[in-house]
C-alpha cells in the first residue's frame, strides 16, 4: 500500500523534489532526484534515495524484492529490507530478534545449503502489513547441518511457505514453514 498522503513530488528544473512528511508533522526531509546531485554527492545521499524507494514500495513489492535477493544470493540486499528488530521464526526452531541473528542465520544456511525458490505466489492482505508466500525450494544439501543427517550433495524439491509483516517499508517478521519429515525423505533418510 503506497502512502502518498505523506509525500509531495514536484518537478524542478531537470529533476524532481520529494518532500517527506510524517503524519501531522512538518516535512522530515526534502530529497532531490539523483540527477541533481554532483557525482561526488550521490554517495552521500544514497541512504535517503534507498529510504524513499522503500517508502514508495508496497509490502508486496518489498517481499518480492526480498525473495529476488534470496535467489541472487544477495544477502546484503535481503538484510537492507529488514527492520533492525526483525523477528525470525525459523521452521522447527525458536524465534529470534535482530539483524545480527538474521545475518548469522543467512551465513549458516549459505554454508550448508544451495537453494533457489521457484513457483513463487505472493498474497498481501489489504492492511498492507501481512504478506503470505507459497513457493518451491529447489536445493542441494552441501554440508551437514548440526544434528541433521550427513550431507553429500543430495538434491531436493520441497514445497514451503512463509508469512511476513512489513511496517514503514521494512520487513519486521519472517516466519517460514516446510515439512521436515518430507525433506528428510527427499535427502534419502
C-alpha atoms as a PDB file:
ATOM      1  CA  UNK A   1       0.000   0.000   0.000  1.00  0.00           C
ATOM      2  CA  UNK A   2       1.537   3.280  -1.078  1.00  0.00           C
ATOM      3  CA  UNK A   3       1.362   6.044   1.477  1.00  0.00           C
ATOM      4  CA  UNK A   4       1.095   9.027  -0.872  1.00  0.00           C
ATOM      5  CA  UNK A   5      -0.572  11.286   1.725  1.00  0.00           C
ATOM      6  CA  UNK A   6       2.802  11.879   3.342  1.00  0.00           C
ATOM      7  CA  UNK A   7       4.714  12.596   0.120  1.00  0.00           C
ATOM      8  CA  UNK A   8       4.810  15.579  -2.192  1.00  0.00           C
ATOM      9  CA  UNK A   9       6.551  15.272  -5.538  1.00  0.00           C
ATOM     10  CA  UNK A  10       7.300  18.340  -7.675  1.00  0.00           C
ATOM     11  CA  UNK A  11       9.253  18.859 -10.862  1.00  0.00           C
ATOM     12  CA  UNK A  12      12.066  21.404 -10.509  1.00  0.00           C
ATOM     13  CA  UNK A  13      14.252  22.155 -13.477  1.00  0.00           C
ATOM     14  CA  UNK A  14      15.674  18.911 -14.835  1.00  0.00           C
ATOM     15  CA  UNK A  15      14.952  16.909 -11.685  1.00  0.00           C
ATOM     16  CA  UNK A  16      12.385  16.117  -9.041  1.00  0.00           C
ATOM     17  CA  UNK A  17      11.987  17.289  -5.457  1.00  0.00           C
ATOM     18  CA  UNK A  18      10.310  14.986  -2.972  1.00  0.00           C
ATOM     19  CA  UNK A  19       9.106  16.207   0.432  1.00  0.00           C
ATOM     20  CA  UNK A  20       8.526  13.502   3.022  1.00  0.00           C
ATOM     21  CA  UNK A  21       6.102  14.126   5.901  1.00  0.00           C
ATOM     22  CA  UNK A  22       5.262  12.027   8.899  1.00  0.00           C
ATOM     23  CA  UNK A  23       1.532  12.214   9.722  1.00  0.00           C
ATOM     24  CA  UNK A  24       0.703  15.505  11.462  1.00  0.00           C
ATOM     25  CA  UNK A  25       4.215  16.935  11.199  1.00  0.00           C
ATOM     26  CA  UNK A  26       6.288  19.323   9.202  1.00  0.00           C
ATOM     27  CA  UNK A  27       8.482  17.864   6.446  1.00  0.00           C
ATOM     28  CA  UNK A  28      11.118  15.489   7.814  1.00  0.00           C
ATOM     29  CA  UNK A  29      13.139  15.541   4.639  1.00  0.00           C
ATOM     30  CA  UNK A  30      13.414  17.049   1.211  1.00  0.00           C
ATOM     31  CA  UNK A  31      15.055  14.807  -1.339  1.00  0.00           C
ATOM     32  CA  UNK A  32      16.091  15.653  -4.865  1.00  0.00           C
ATOM     33  CA  UNK A  33      16.433  13.170  -7.690  1.00  0.00           C
ATOM     34  CA  UNK A  34      19.873  11.675  -8.260  1.00  0.00           C
ATOM     35  CA  UNK A  35      20.384  13.777 -11.386  1.00  0.00           C
ATOM     36  CA  UNK A  36      20.568  16.953  -9.298  1.00  0.00           C
ATOM     37  CA  UNK A  37      23.490  15.749  -7.202  1.00  0.00           C
ATOM     38  CA  UNK A  38      27.072  16.124  -8.355  1.00  0.00           C
ATOM     39  CA  UNK A  39      28.642  12.692  -8.798  1.00  0.00           C
ATOM     40  CA  UNK A  40      30.619  13.153  -5.555  1.00  0.00           C
ATOM     41  CA  UNK A  41      27.368  13.882  -3.642  1.00  0.00           C
ATOM     42  CA  UNK A  42      25.390  10.827  -4.866  1.00  0.00           C
ATOM     43  CA  UNK A  43      27.088   8.506  -2.378  1.00  0.00           C
ATOM     44  CA  UNK A  44      26.241  10.904   0.438  1.00  0.00           C
ATOM     45  CA  UNK A  45      22.530  10.876  -0.440  1.00  0.00           C
ATOM     46  CA  UNK A  46      22.267   7.172  -1.337  1.00  0.00           C
ATOM     47  CA  UNK A  47      20.735   6.150   2.038  1.00  0.00           C
ATOM     48  CA  UNK A  48      17.983   8.738   1.528  1.00  0.00           C
ATOM     49  CA  UNK A  49      17.333   7.536  -2.010  1.00  0.00           C
ATOM     50  CA  UNK A  50      17.074   3.931  -0.764  1.00  0.00           C
ATOM     51  CA  UNK A  51      14.747   5.019   2.060  1.00  0.00           C
ATOM     52  CA  UNK A  52      12.453   6.869  -0.338  1.00  0.00           C
ATOM     53  CA  UNK A  53      12.336   3.870  -2.658  1.00  0.00           C
ATOM     54  CA  UNK A  54      11.373   1.612   0.256  1.00  0.00           C
ATOM     55  CA  UNK A  55       8.653   4.005   1.428  1.00  0.00           C
ATOM     56  CA  UNK A  56       7.184   4.131  -2.064  1.00  0.00           C
ATOM     57  CA  UNK A  57       7.136   0.337  -2.453  1.00  0.00           C
ATOM     58  CA  UNK A  58       4.120  -1.706  -1.411  1.00  0.00           C
ATOM     59  CA  UNK A  59       4.572  -4.544   1.079  1.00  0.00           C
ATOM     60  CA  UNK A  60       4.110  -6.987  -1.799  1.00  0.00           C
ATOM     61  CA  UNK A  61       6.891  -5.296  -3.792  1.00  0.00           C
ATOM     62  CA  UNK A  62       9.216  -5.296  -0.777  1.00  0.00           C
ATOM     63  CA  UNK A  63       8.677  -9.011  -0.119  1.00  0.00           C
ATOM     64  CA  UNK A  64       9.033  -9.811  -3.818  1.00  0.00           C
ATOM     65  CA  UNK A  65      12.327  -7.910  -3.878  1.00  0.00           C
ATOM     66  CA  UNK A  66      13.424  -9.764  -0.700  1.00  0.00           C
ATOM     67  CA  UNK A  67      12.944 -13.127  -2.417  1.00  0.00           C
ATOM     68  CA  UNK A  68      14.591 -11.872  -5.622  1.00  0.00           C
ATOM     69  CA  UNK A  69      17.618 -11.039  -3.469  1.00  0.00           C
ATOM     70  CA  UNK A  70      17.453 -14.548  -1.962  1.00  0.00           C
ATOM     71  CA  UNK A  71      17.550 -16.174  -5.397  1.00  0.00           C
ATOM     72  CA  UNK A  72      20.513 -13.963  -6.413  1.00  0.00           C
ATOM     73  CA  UNK A  73      22.257 -14.788  -3.117  1.00  0.00           C
ATOM     74  CA  UNK A  74      22.374 -11.062  -2.421  1.00  0.00           C
ATOM     75  CA  UNK A  75      22.454 -11.382   1.367  1.00  0.00           C
ATOM     76  CA  UNK A  76      23.181  -7.684   1.893  1.00  0.00           C
ATOM     77  CA  UNK A  77      20.194  -6.813  -0.285  1.00  0.00           C
ATOM     78  CA  UNK A  78      17.987  -9.038   1.870  1.00  0.00           C
ATOM     79  CA  UNK A  79      19.323  -7.526   5.084  1.00  0.00           C
ATOM     80  CA  UNK A  80      18.702  -3.991   3.773  1.00  0.00           C
ATOM     81  CA  UNK A  81      14.986  -4.815   3.528  1.00  0.00           C
ATOM     82  CA  UNK A  82      14.738  -5.978   7.148  1.00  0.00           C
ATOM     83  CA  UNK A  83      13.906  -3.897  10.197  1.00  0.00           C
ATOM     84  CA  UNK A  84      16.712  -3.744  12.803  1.00  0.00           C
ATOM     85  CA  UNK A  85      14.394  -5.599  15.204  1.00  0.00           C
ATOM     86  CA  UNK A  86      13.159  -8.189  12.699  1.00  0.00           C
ATOM     87  CA  UNK A  87      11.589 -11.285  14.292  1.00  0.00           C
ATOM     88  CA  UNK A  88      12.655 -14.517  12.635  1.00  0.00           C
ATOM     89  CA  UNK A  89      10.630 -17.680  13.251  1.00  0.00           C
ATOM     90  CA  UNK A  90      12.596 -20.499  11.669  1.00  0.00           C
ATOM     91  CA  UNK A  91      10.952 -23.810  10.836  1.00  0.00           C
ATOM     92  CA  UNK A  92      11.374 -26.350  13.649  1.00  0.00           C
ATOM     93  CA  UNK A  93      13.142 -23.780  15.797  1.00  0.00           C
ATOM     94  CA  UNK A  94      12.911 -20.870  18.144  1.00  0.00           C
ATOM     95  CA  UNK A  95      12.115 -17.247  17.382  1.00  0.00           C
ATOM     96  CA  UNK A  96      14.965 -14.757  17.299  1.00  0.00           C
ATOM     97  CA  UNK A  97      15.059 -10.996  17.044  1.00  0.00           C
ATOM     98  CA  UNK A  98      17.522  -8.671  15.329  1.00  0.00           C
ATOM     99  CA  UNK A  99      19.656  -8.269  12.250  1.00  0.00           C
ATOM    100  CA  UNK A 100      22.730  -9.861  13.821  1.00  0.00           C
ATOM    101  CA  UNK A 101      20.876 -13.137  14.313  1.00  0.00           C
ATOM    102  CA  UNK A 102      19.444 -12.985  10.808  1.00  0.00           C
ATOM    103  CA  UNK A 103      22.881 -12.306   9.317  1.00  0.00           C
ATOM    104  CA  UNK A 104      24.301 -15.339  11.189  1.00  0.00           C
ATOM    105  CA  UNK A 105      21.344 -17.440  10.045  1.00  0.00           C
ATOM    106  CA  UNK A 106      21.945 -16.483   6.390  1.00  0.00           C
ATOM    107  CA  UNK A 107      25.664 -17.302   6.659  1.00  0.00           C
ATOM    108  CA  UNK A 108      24.876 -20.709   8.183  1.00  0.00           C
ATOM    109  CA  UNK A 109      22.257 -21.506   5.549  1.00  0.00           C
ATOM    110  CA  UNK A 110      24.622 -20.459   2.748  1.00  0.00           C
ATOM    111  CA  UNK A 111      27.306 -22.741   4.164  1.00  0.00           C
ATOM    112  CA  UNK A 112      25.043 -25.813   4.384  1.00  0.00           C
ATOM    113  CA  UNK A 113      22.539 -25.344   1.539  1.00  0.00           C
ATOM    114  CA  UNK A 114      22.339 -24.043  -2.007  1.00  0.00           C
ATOM    115  CA  UNK A 115      18.700 -23.118  -2.584  1.00  0.00           C
ATOM    116  CA  UNK A 116      16.631 -21.395  -5.238  1.00  0.00           C
ATOM    117  CA  UNK A 117      12.934 -20.623  -4.927  1.00  0.00           C
ATOM    118  CA  UNK A 118      10.522 -21.183  -7.823  1.00  0.00           C
ATOM    119  CA  UNK A 119       6.771 -21.144  -8.423  1.00  0.00           C
ATOM    120  CA  UNK A 120       6.508 -18.136  -6.102  1.00  0.00           C
ATOM    121  CA  UNK A 121       2.982 -16.987  -5.243  1.00  0.00           C
ATOM    122  CA  UNK A 122       2.690 -13.845  -3.111  1.00  0.00           C
ATOM    123  CA  UNK A 123      -0.512 -12.666  -1.432  1.00  0.00           C
ATOM    124  CA  UNK A 124      -0.935  -9.426   0.502  1.00  0.00           C
ATOM    125  CA  UNK A 125      -3.620  -8.564   2.981  1.00  0.00           C
ATOM    126  CA  UNK A 126      -5.379  -5.247   2.285  1.00  0.00           C
ATOM    127  CA  UNK A 127      -3.905  -3.876   5.551  1.00  0.00           C
ATOM    128  CA  UNK A 128      -0.588  -3.524   3.706  1.00  0.00           C
ATOM    129  CA  UNK A 129       1.238  -5.257   6.569  1.00  0.00           C
ATOM    130  CA  UNK A 130       0.766  -9.008   6.134  1.00  0.00           C
ATOM    131  CA  UNK A 131       2.175 -10.949   3.175  1.00  0.00           C
ATOM    132  CA  UNK A 132       1.969 -14.707   2.615  1.00  0.00           C
ATOM    133  CA  UNK A 133       4.162 -16.641   0.190  1.00  0.00           C
ATOM    134  CA  UNK A 134       3.980 -20.104  -1.276  1.00  0.00           C
ATOM    135  CA  UNK A 135       6.972 -21.451  -3.180  1.00  0.00           C
ATOM    136  CA  UNK A 136       9.039 -24.493  -4.083  1.00  0.00           C
ATOM    137  CA  UNK A 137      12.547 -24.839  -2.665  1.00  0.00           C
ATOM    138  CA  UNK A 138      14.991 -26.380  -5.149  1.00  0.00           C
ATOM    139  CA  UNK A 139      18.077 -27.202  -3.156  1.00  0.00           C
ATOM    140  CA  UNK A 140      21.351 -29.010  -2.659  1.00  0.00           C
ATOM    141  CA  UNK A 141      22.375 -30.157   0.811  1.00  0.00           C
ATOM    142  CA  UNK A 142      26.077 -29.155   0.727  1.00  0.00           C
ATOM    143  CA  UNK A 143      27.354 -29.532   4.287  1.00  0.00           C
ATOM    144  CA  UNK A 144      25.991 -31.401   7.298  1.00  0.00           C
ATOM    145  CA  UNK A 145      23.804 -29.089   9.362  1.00  0.00           C
ATOM    146  CA  UNK A 146      24.277 -29.685  13.115  1.00  0.00           C
ATOM    147  CA  UNK A 147      22.329 -32.803  14.129  1.00  0.00           C
ATOM    148  CA  UNK A 148      20.684 -33.424  10.767  1.00  0.00           C
ATOM    149  CA  UNK A 149      21.731 -36.411   8.610  1.00  0.00           C
ATOM    150  CA  UNK A 150      25.089 -36.236   6.792  1.00  0.00           C
ATOM    151  CA  UNK A 151      25.237 -34.124   3.643  1.00  0.00           C
ATOM    152  CA  UNK A 152      26.700 -35.436   0.399  1.00  0.00           C
ATOM    153  CA  UNK A 153      25.236 -33.141  -2.235  1.00  0.00           C
ATOM    154  CA  UNK A 154      21.686 -34.511  -2.090  1.00  0.00           C
ATOM    155  CA  UNK A 155      19.193 -32.594  -4.239  1.00  0.00           C
ATOM    156  CA  UNK A 156      15.660 -31.860  -3.115  1.00  0.00           C
ATOM    157  CA  UNK A 157      12.493 -30.141  -4.325  1.00  0.00           C
ATOM    158  CA  UNK A 158      10.310 -29.151  -1.385  1.00  0.00           C
ATOM    159  CA  UNK A 159       7.105 -27.101  -1.109  1.00  0.00           C
ATOM    160  CA  UNK A 160       7.277 -24.363   1.529  1.00  0.00           C
ATOM    161  CA  UNK A 161       5.543 -21.246   2.731  1.00  0.00           C
ATOM    162  CA  UNK A 162       6.298 -18.053   4.609  1.00  0.00           C
ATOM    163  CA  UNK A 163       4.462 -15.292   6.405  1.00  0.00           C
ATOM    164  CA  UNK A 164       5.945 -11.826   6.610  1.00  0.00           C
ATOM    165  CA  UNK A 165       5.000  -8.465   8.090  1.00  0.00           C
ATOM    166  CA  UNK A 166       6.061  -5.111   6.679  1.00  0.00           C
ATOM    167  CA  UNK A 167       5.985  -1.845   8.635  1.00  0.00           C
ATOM    168  CA  UNK A 168       7.225   1.531   7.369  1.00  0.00           C
ATOM    169  CA  UNK A 169       8.918  -0.004   4.354  1.00  0.00           C
ATOM    170  CA  UNK A 170      10.846  -2.698   6.257  1.00  0.00           C
ATOM    171  CA  UNK A 171      10.183  -6.388   6.885  1.00  0.00           C
ATOM    172  CA  UNK A 172       9.594  -6.871  10.623  1.00  0.00           C
ATOM    173  CA  UNK A 173       8.745 -10.586  10.703  1.00  0.00           C
ATOM    174  CA  UNK A 174       9.767 -13.621   8.659  1.00  0.00           C
ATOM    175  CA  UNK A 175       8.143 -16.961   9.534  1.00  0.00           C
ATOM    176  CA  UNK A 176       8.989 -19.934   7.313  1.00  0.00           C
ATOM    177  CA  UNK A 177       7.354 -23.368   7.205  1.00  0.00           C
ATOM    178  CA  UNK A 178       8.242 -26.589   5.401  1.00  0.00           C
ATOM    179  CA  UNK A 179       7.693 -30.278   6.012  1.00  0.00           C
ATOM    180  CA  UNK A 180      10.862 -31.543   7.752  1.00  0.00           C
ATOM    181  CA  UNK A 181       9.890 -35.265   7.534  1.00  0.00           C
ATOM    182  CA  UNK A 182       9.396 -34.835   3.772  1.00  0.00           C
ATOM    183  CA  UNK A 183      12.779 -33.085   3.467  1.00  0.00           C
ATOM    184  CA  UNK A 184      14.438 -35.972   5.337  1.00  0.00           C
ATOM    185  CA  UNK A 185      12.773 -38.440   2.960  1.00  0.00           C
ATOM    186  CA  UNK A 186      13.902 -36.412  -0.068  1.00  0.00           C
ATOM    187  CA  UNK A 187      17.549 -36.470   1.034  1.00  0.00           C
ATOM    188  CA  UNK A 188      17.365 -40.231   1.500  1.00  0.00           C
ATOM    189  CA  UNK A 189      16.903 -40.616   5.250  1.00  0.00           C
END
